[in-house]
Amino acid sequence: DVQLVESGGGSVQAGGSLRLSCAASGYTYSTYCMGWFRQAPGKEREGVVFINTRGGTTVYPDSVKGRFTISQDNAKNTVYLQMNSLKPEDTGMYYCAARRDGCYSLRMADFAYWGQGTQVTVS
C-alpha cells in the first residue's frame, strides 16, 4: 500500500508563504494522482491542487492559481506545494492524498491513500 506523510504546515500572517511536503512510499504502479485536500473548521473538505506523478500535469482551481505551485522530486518520492500570498481563507488542515491512474477524477472518494494532515493557519 501507499503511505503518505505531510509536513511543512505552520502559522503565518496574510501575504506570507509556506511550503508543504508530502513524502510517499509503497508505490506499486507507475501512475498516480497526488495532491492536497484541505478542510477548515465547520467546512467540507475540498480539493486544492493535484499533479500526475508520471507526466507532471497539474490541476489548480481558480482560487489558488498564481499563488500555489505544485511540483515533484521523483528521486525523493516527494511532492511539494509552494503557497505564496496566503490569505486567511487558506486556513485549514491540509491532507496529502493519492489515487491510481492520474487526475481524471478528483472526488474525495476516489482517493484511496491519505496522509495524517498538517495544519496551515493564516492570520
Protein backbone atom coordinates (compact mmCIF):
# COMPACT_ATOMS: atom_id res chain seq x y z
CA ASP A 1 0.00 0.00 0.00
CA VAL A 2 0.93 3.66 -0.41
CA GLN A 3 1.91 5.60 2.69
CA LEU A 4 1.89 9.42 2.73
CA VAL A 5 3.44 11.77 5.29
CA GLU A 6 2.86 15.54 5.19
CA SER A 7 5.00 18.26 6.73
CA GLY A 8 5.62 21.98 6.46
CA GLY A 9 2.50 23.49 7.95
CA GLY A 10 2.55 26.37 10.38
CA SER A 11 1.20 29.81 11.22
CA VAL A 12 1.85 32.86 9.04
CA GLN A 13 0.40 36.31 8.54
CA ALA A 14 -1.61 37.14 5.45
CA GLY A 15 0.67 37.57 2.47
CA GLY A 16 3.23 35.11 3.78
CA SER A 17 4.43 31.81 2.36
CA LEU A 18 4.66 28.17 3.34
CA ARG A 19 5.90 25.05 1.59
CA LEU A 20 4.22 21.74 2.25
CA SER A 21 5.85 18.40 1.56
CA CYS A 22 4.27 15.00 1.02
CA ALA A 23 6.65 12.05 1.16
CA ALA A 24 5.36 8.86 -0.41
CA SER A 25 6.36 5.23 -0.14
CA GLY A 26 4.96 1.86 -1.11
CA TYR A 27 4.10 2.63 -4.74
CA THR A 28 3.44 -0.42 -6.90
CA TYR A 29 2.10 1.22 -10.09
CA SER A 30 3.56 3.78 -12.45
CA THR A 31 0.87 6.48 -12.46
CA TYR A 32 -0.83 8.21 -9.53
CA CYS A 33 -2.63 11.46 -8.97
CA MET A 34 -1.27 13.15 -5.86
CA GLY A 35 -2.06 16.41 -4.18
CA TRP A 36 -3.84 18.11 -1.31
CA PHE A 37 -7.29 18.48 0.08
CA ARG A 38 -7.96 20.97 2.85
CA GLN A 39 -10.62 21.35 5.50
CA ALA A 40 -11.40 24.36 7.64
CA PRO A 41 -13.41 24.08 10.88
CA GLY A 42 -17.09 23.88 10.06
CA LYS A 43 -16.49 23.43 6.33
CA GLU A 44 -16.39 20.48 3.97
CA ARG A 45 -13.11 19.09 2.75
CA GLU A 46 -12.17 20.46 -0.67
CA GLY A 47 -9.54 19.73 -3.29
CA VAL A 48 -6.71 22.25 -3.53
CA VAL A 49 -4.19 21.18 -6.17
CA PHE A 50 -3.05 17.94 -7.82
CA ILE A 51 -0.30 16.51 -10.01
CA ASN A 52 0.02 13.46 -12.22
CA THR A 53 3.16 11.80 -10.91
CA ARG A 54 4.08 10.28 -14.26
CA GLY A 55 3.66 13.14 -16.68
CA GLY A 56 3.70 16.12 -14.32
CA THR A 57 0.35 17.52 -15.44
CA THR A 58 -1.13 19.78 -12.77
CA VAL A 59 -4.66 20.76 -11.80
CA TYR A 60 -5.41 24.05 -9.99
CA PRO A 61 -8.69 25.66 -9.03
CA ASP A 62 -9.10 29.35 -9.80
CA SER A 63 -8.85 30.25 -6.12
CA VAL A 64 -5.16 29.30 -5.93
CA LYS A 65 -3.88 29.84 -9.48
CA GLY A 66 -1.00 32.30 -9.43
CA ARG A 67 -0.40 31.72 -5.70
CA PHE A 68 0.15 27.98 -5.26
CA THR A 69 2.61 25.82 -7.19
CA ILE A 70 2.80 22.03 -7.01
CA SER A 71 5.94 20.16 -8.03
CA GLN A 72 7.57 16.80 -7.52
CA ASP A 73 11.00 15.32 -6.90
CA ASN A 74 10.88 11.73 -8.08
CA ALA A 75 14.30 10.94 -6.62
CA LYS A 76 12.95 11.80 -3.17
CA ASN A 77 9.45 10.40 -3.77
CA THR A 78 8.10 13.73 -2.60
CA VAL A 79 5.50 16.21 -3.83
CA TYR A 80 5.76 19.86 -2.79
CA LEU A 81 3.18 22.61 -2.53
CA GLN A 82 4.62 26.13 -2.51
CA MET A 83 2.00 28.52 -1.17
CA ASN A 84 2.55 32.25 -1.63
CA SER A 85 0.38 35.28 -0.94
CA LEU A 86 -1.54 33.31 1.66
CA LYS A 87 -4.97 34.52 2.68
CA PRO A 88 -6.96 33.86 5.85
CA GLU A 89 -9.37 31.74 3.81
CA ASP A 90 -6.48 29.36 3.08
CA THR A 91 -6.51 28.32 6.74
CA GLY A 92 -7.24 24.67 7.36
CA MET A 93 -5.92 21.19 7.80
CA TYR A 94 -4.14 20.12 4.62
CA TYR A 95 -4.21 16.44 3.74
CA CYS A 96 -1.99 14.84 1.15
CA ALA A 97 -3.86 12.24 -0.89
CA ALA A 98 -3.23 9.86 -3.78
CA ARG A 99 -5.22 7.82 -6.24
CA ARG A 100 -4.42 5.47 -9.10
CA ASP A 101 -4.44 6.35 -12.79
CA GLY A 102 -3.98 10.10 -12.96
CA CYS A 103 -6.07 13.14 -12.13
CA TYR A 104 -9.14 12.46 -14.24
CA SER A 105 -11.47 12.38 -11.25
CA LEU A 106 -10.84 14.48 -8.13
CA ARG A 107 -13.69 13.37 -5.90
CA MET A 108 -12.57 12.70 -2.35
CA ALA A 109 -13.99 9.18 -2.51
CA ASP A 110 -11.69 8.36 -5.43
CA PHE A 111 -8.55 8.82 -3.32
CA ALA A 112 -7.60 5.63 -1.52
CA TYR A 113 -4.47 6.87 0.25
CA TRP A 114 -4.25 9.71 2.77
CA GLY A 115 -1.68 11.37 4.96
CA GLN A 116 -2.22 12.42 8.55
CA GLY A 117 -2.63 16.12 7.78
CA THR A 118 -0.67 19.28 8.53
CA GLN A 119 -2.20 22.49 9.88
CA VAL A 120 -1.97 25.78 7.99
CA THR A 121 -3.08 28.92 9.80
CA VAL A 122 -3.11 32.33 8.12
CA SER A 123 -3.92 35.42 10.15
